Amino acid sequence: MTNMTLIPPALGIDLGTTNSAAAIIYEDKITIVTDEHGESVHASALAFSEDGQVIVGNQAHGLPNDNIV
């Protein structure tokens, strides 16, 4: 049995004032975080729906009310 040191995954976040991006490095592989549409750049925006649900990123950007950009 070899003496292996397990290194946990790391998350890198580029939190910009207009857009943000994130990547995960694990086992010498870098994976860019994408949304359900495959987009890797996300709007730095936050919004609240009428029922109190939190909406983030590209979905929140451009909503007419209750958003924080």
N, C-alpha and C. Protein backbone atom coordinates (compact mmCIF):
# COMPACT_ATOMS: atom_id res chain seq x y z
N MET A 1 0.85 -1.19 0.00
CA MET A 1 0.00 0.00 0.00
C MET A 1 0.89 1.24 0.00
N THR A 2 0.58 2.18 -0.86
CA THR A 2 1.38 3.40 -0.95
C THR A 2 0.87 4.44 0.03
N ASN A 3 1.72 5.36 0.39
CA ASN A 3 1.35 6.44 1.30
C ASN A 3 0.85 7.61 0.47
N MET A 4 -0.46 7.68 0.24
CA MET A 4 -1.06 8.72 -0.59
C MET A 4 -1.72 9.77 0.28
N THR A 5 -1.55 11.01 -0.11
CA THR A 5 -2.22 12.10 0.57
C THR A 5 -3.40 12.53 -0.30
N LEU A 6 -4.58 12.47 0.27
CA LEU A 6 -5.77 12.88 -0.47
C LEU A 6 -5.93 14.39 -0.37
N ILE A 7 -6.07 15.02 -1.51
CA ILE A 7 -6.26 16.46 -1.57
C ILE A 7 -7.72 16.71 -1.95
N PRO A 8 -8.44 17.46 -1.13
CA PRO A 8 -9.86 17.71 -1.45
C PRO A 8 -9.98 18.63 -2.67
N PRO A 9 -11.13 18.62 -3.31
CA PRO A 9 -11.34 19.53 -4.44
C PRO A 9 -11.28 20.99 -3.99
N ALA A 10 -10.91 21.86 -4.91
CA ALA A 10 -10.85 23.29 -4.62
C ALA A 10 -11.76 24.02 -5.59
N LEU A 11 -12.41 25.06 -5.09
CA LEU A 11 -13.30 25.88 -5.91
C LEU A 11 -12.69 27.27 -6.05
N GLY A 12 -12.55 27.70 -7.29
CA GLY A 12 -12.06 29.05 -7.56
C GLY A 12 -13.21 29.90 -8.09
N ILE A 13 -13.37 31.10 -7.54
CA ILE A 13 -14.46 31.97 -7.95
C ILE A 13 -13.91 33.32 -8.37
N ASP A 14 -14.29 33.76 -9.55
CA ASP A 14 -13.98 35.11 -10.01
C ASP A 14 -15.28 35.90 -9.85
N LEU A 15 -15.39 36.61 -8.74
CA LEU A 15 -16.61 37.35 -8.44
C LEU A 15 -16.43 38.79 -8.90
N GLY A 16 -16.99 39.08 -10.06
CA GLY A 16 -16.87 40.41 -10.64
C GLY A 16 -18.10 41.26 -10.35
N THR A 17 -18.00 42.54 -10.63
CA THR A 17 -19.12 43.43 -10.39
C THR A 17 -20.20 43.29 -11.45
N THR A 18 -19.85 42.82 -12.64
CA THR A 18 -20.82 42.63 -13.72
C THR A 18 -21.08 41.16 -13.97
N ASN A 19 -20.02 40.38 -14.08
CA ASN A 19 -20.12 38.94 -14.34
C ASN A 19 -19.24 38.17 -13.37
N SER A 20 -19.56 36.90 -13.19
CA SER A 20 -18.78 36.01 -12.34
C SER A 20 -18.57 34.69 -13.05
N ALA A 21 -17.55 33.95 -12.58
CA ALA A 21 -17.27 32.62 -13.13
C ALA A 21 -16.70 31.77 -12.00
N ALA A 22 -16.77 30.45 -12.18
CA ALA A 22 -16.25 29.54 -11.16
C ALA A 22 -15.67 28.31 -11.84
N ALA A 23 -14.69 27.70 -11.16
CA ALA A 23 -14.09 26.47 -11.65
C ALA A 23 -13.73 25.59 -10.46
N ILE A 24 -13.73 24.29 -10.69
CA ILE A 24 -13.36 23.32 -9.67
C ILE A 24 -12.11 22.59 -10.15
N ILE A 25 -11.13 22.43 -9.27
CA ILE A 25 -9.96 21.61 -9.60
C ILE A 25 -9.98 20.40 -8.68
N TYR A 26 -9.90 19.23 -9.30
CA TYR A 26 -9.93 17.98 -8.55
C TYR A 26 -9.16 16.93 -9.33
N GLU A 27 -8.25 16.27 -8.65
CA GLU A 27 -7.41 15.24 -9.27
C GLU A 27 -6.73 15.75 -10.54
N ASP A 28 -6.13 16.92 -10.47
CA ASP A 28 -5.40 17.54 -11.59
C ASP A 28 -6.26 17.86 -12.80
N LYS A 29 -7.58 17.95 -12.62
CA LYS A 29 -8.48 18.32 -13.71
C LYS A 29 -9.23 19.58 -13.31
N ILE A 30 -9.35 20.50 -14.25
CA ILE A 30 -10.10 21.73 -14.01
C ILE A 30 -11.43 21.63 -14.74
N THR A 31 -12.51 21.89 -14.02
CA THR A 31 -13.84 21.87 -14.59
C THR A 31 -14.48 23.24 -14.40
N ILE A 32 -14.86 23.86 -15.50
CA ILE A 32 -15.53 25.16 -15.45
C ILE A 32 -17.00 24.91 -15.07
N VAL A 33 -17.51 25.67 -14.13
CA VAL A 33 -18.89 25.54 -13.70
C VAL A 33 -19.79 26.23 -14.72
N THR A 34 -20.76 25.48 -15.22
CA THR A 34 -21.71 26.03 -16.19
C THR A 34 -23.12 25.95 -15.63
N ASP A 35 -24.00 26.75 -16.20
CA ASP A 35 -25.41 26.68 -15.79
C ASP A 35 -26.14 25.66 -16.66
N GLU A 36 -27.45 25.59 -16.50
CA GLU A 36 -28.23 24.60 -17.24
C GLU A 36 -28.24 24.82 -18.75
N HIS A 37 -27.77 26.01 -19.18
CA HIS A 37 -27.70 26.32 -20.61
C HIS A 37 -26.28 26.20 -21.16
N GLY A 38 -25.35 25.75 -20.32
CA GLY A 38 -23.97 25.59 -20.74
C GLY A 38 -23.13 26.85 -20.67
N GLU A 39 -23.68 27.91 -20.12
CA GLU A 39 -22.96 29.19 -20.02
C GLU A 39 -21.96 29.15 -18.85
N SER A 40 -20.75 29.63 -19.09
CA SER A 40 -19.73 29.61 -18.03
C SER A 40 -19.53 30.98 -17.38
N VAL A 41 -20.09 32.02 -17.98
CA VAL A 41 -20.03 33.36 -17.39
C VAL A 41 -21.44 33.69 -16.90
N HIS A 42 -21.51 34.07 -15.64
CA HIS A 42 -22.81 34.29 -15.00
C HIS A 42 -22.93 35.75 -14.57
N ALA A 43 -24.09 36.32 -14.77
CA ALA A 43 -24.32 37.70 -14.33
C ALA A 43 -24.23 37.76 -12.81
N SER A 44 -23.58 38.79 -12.31
CA SER A 44 -23.49 39.00 -10.86
C SER A 44 -24.78 39.68 -10.41
N ALA A 45 -25.85 38.90 -10.34
CA ALA A 45 -27.16 39.45 -10.03
C ALA A 45 -27.92 38.50 -9.12
N LEU A 46 -28.83 39.07 -8.35
CA LEU A 46 -29.66 38.33 -7.41
C LEU A 46 -31.05 38.93 -7.45
N ALA A 47 -32.07 38.09 -7.47
CA ALA A 47 -33.45 38.58 -7.50
C ALA A 47 -34.32 37.70 -6.61
N PHE A 48 -35.47 38.22 -6.25
CA PHE A 48 -36.43 37.48 -5.43
C PHE A 48 -37.75 37.39 -6.18
N SER A 49 -38.30 36.18 -6.28
CA SER A 49 -39.59 36.01 -6.93
C SER A 49 -40.70 36.45 -5.98
N GLU A 50 -41.91 36.53 -6.50
CA GLU A 50 -43.04 36.96 -5.68
C GLU A 50 -43.28 36.03 -4.49
N ASP A 51 -42.94 34.75 -4.65
CA ASP A 51 -43.14 33.81 -3.55
C ASP A 51 -41.91 33.67 -2.65
N GLY A 52 -40.92 34.57 -2.84
CA GLY A 52 -39.75 34.61 -1.96
C GLY A 52 -38.58 33.74 -2.40
N GLN A 53 -38.70 33.08 -3.54
CA GLN A 53 -37.61 32.24 -4.04
C GLN A 53 -36.46 33.12 -4.51
N VAL A 54 -35.24 32.68 -4.23
CA VAL A 54 -34.05 33.43 -4.65
C VAL A 54 -33.66 32.98 -6.06
N ILE A 55 -33.43 33.95 -6.94
CA ILE A 55 -33.00 33.70 -8.32
C ILE A 55 -31.63 34.36 -8.48
N VAL A 56 -30.66 33.61 -9.02
CA VAL A 56 -29.31 34.14 -9.15
C VAL A 56 -28.82 34.06 -10.58
N GLY A 57 -27.77 34.82 -10.87
CA GLY A 57 -27.08 34.73 -12.15
C GLY A 57 -27.86 35.30 -13.32
N ASN A 58 -27.70 34.64 -14.47
CA ASN A 58 -28.28 35.14 -15.70
C ASN A 58 -29.80 35.22 -15.64
N GLN A 59 -30.43 34.30 -14.90
CA GLN A 59 -31.89 34.34 -14.78
C GLN A 59 -32.35 35.59 -14.04
N ALA A 60 -31.56 36.06 -13.09
CA ALA A 60 -31.93 37.23 -12.30
C ALA A 60 -31.67 38.54 -13.03
N HIS A 61 -30.69 38.53 -13.91
CA HIS A 61 -30.31 39.76 -14.60
C HIS A 61 -31.43 40.19 -15.55
N GLY A 62 -31.83 41.41 -15.48
CA GLY A 62 -32.84 41.93 -16.38
C GLY A 62 -34.27 41.77 -15.91
N LEU A 63 -34.47 41.13 -14.75
CA LEU A 63 -35.83 41.05 -14.23
C LEU A 63 -36.27 42.45 -13.81
N PRO A 64 -37.53 42.78 -14.02
CA PRO A 64 -37.96 44.18 -13.81
C PRO A 64 -37.97 44.64 -12.36
N ASN A 65 -38.25 43.75 -11.41
CA ASN A 65 -38.39 44.20 -10.02
C ASN A 65 -37.61 43.30 -9.07
N ASP A 66 -37.34 43.85 -7.91
CA ASP A 66 -36.76 43.09 -6.80
C ASP A 66 -35.44 42.41 -7.15
N ASN A 67 -34.60 43.07 -7.93
CA ASN A 67 -33.31 42.47 -8.22
C ASN A 67 -32.17 43.35 -7.70
N ILE A 68 -31.06 42.70 -7.44
CA ILE A 68 -29.84 43.38 -6.98
C ILE A 68 -28.76 43.03 -7.99
N VAL A 69 -28.21 44.04 -8.62
CA VAL A 69 -27.17 43.80 -9.62
C VAL A 69 -25.86 44.36 -9.11
